[in-house]
Amino acid sequence: MAGDTPNIVDVTEADFAEAVLAASGSKPVLVDFWATWCRPCTMMAPVLDELAGAEADKLTVAKVDVESNQELAAEYQITAIPALLLFSEGQPVKRITGAKSKAALRKELSDIL
């Protein structure tokens, strides 16, 4: 999913600490926990693609496939997808669960955009 968009970073358990935790020290990172079989996740993809491109200077968007990264999903208590976690300074500061429209997502993130 993320491979189609240069502004979205695919993240795994192996590089999560660097790509999300460390990177969120300089710019917030919005992590999308998703799966290929999740229809609402597929519906969110264009919204996240657009957000990643339009707000690249203010926000990094990353994707974590929960099927391939189950320990990471468990660590952050991801029990339903799509789930978005906003990281700042290495810590999750906001959780957004369920598919959102572009307007709804922008409203949820209005404090950083």
Foldseek 3Di string as FASTA:
>chain_A
DCVVAPQEAEDAPVCCCPVAQVVLAVAKEKEWEEAPVDPLSVVQVVLVSVCSVVCVVHYGYYYYDCVRHVVVCVVVVPPAPRKIFIDHNRDTDDIDHTRDDNVRVCVVVVVRD
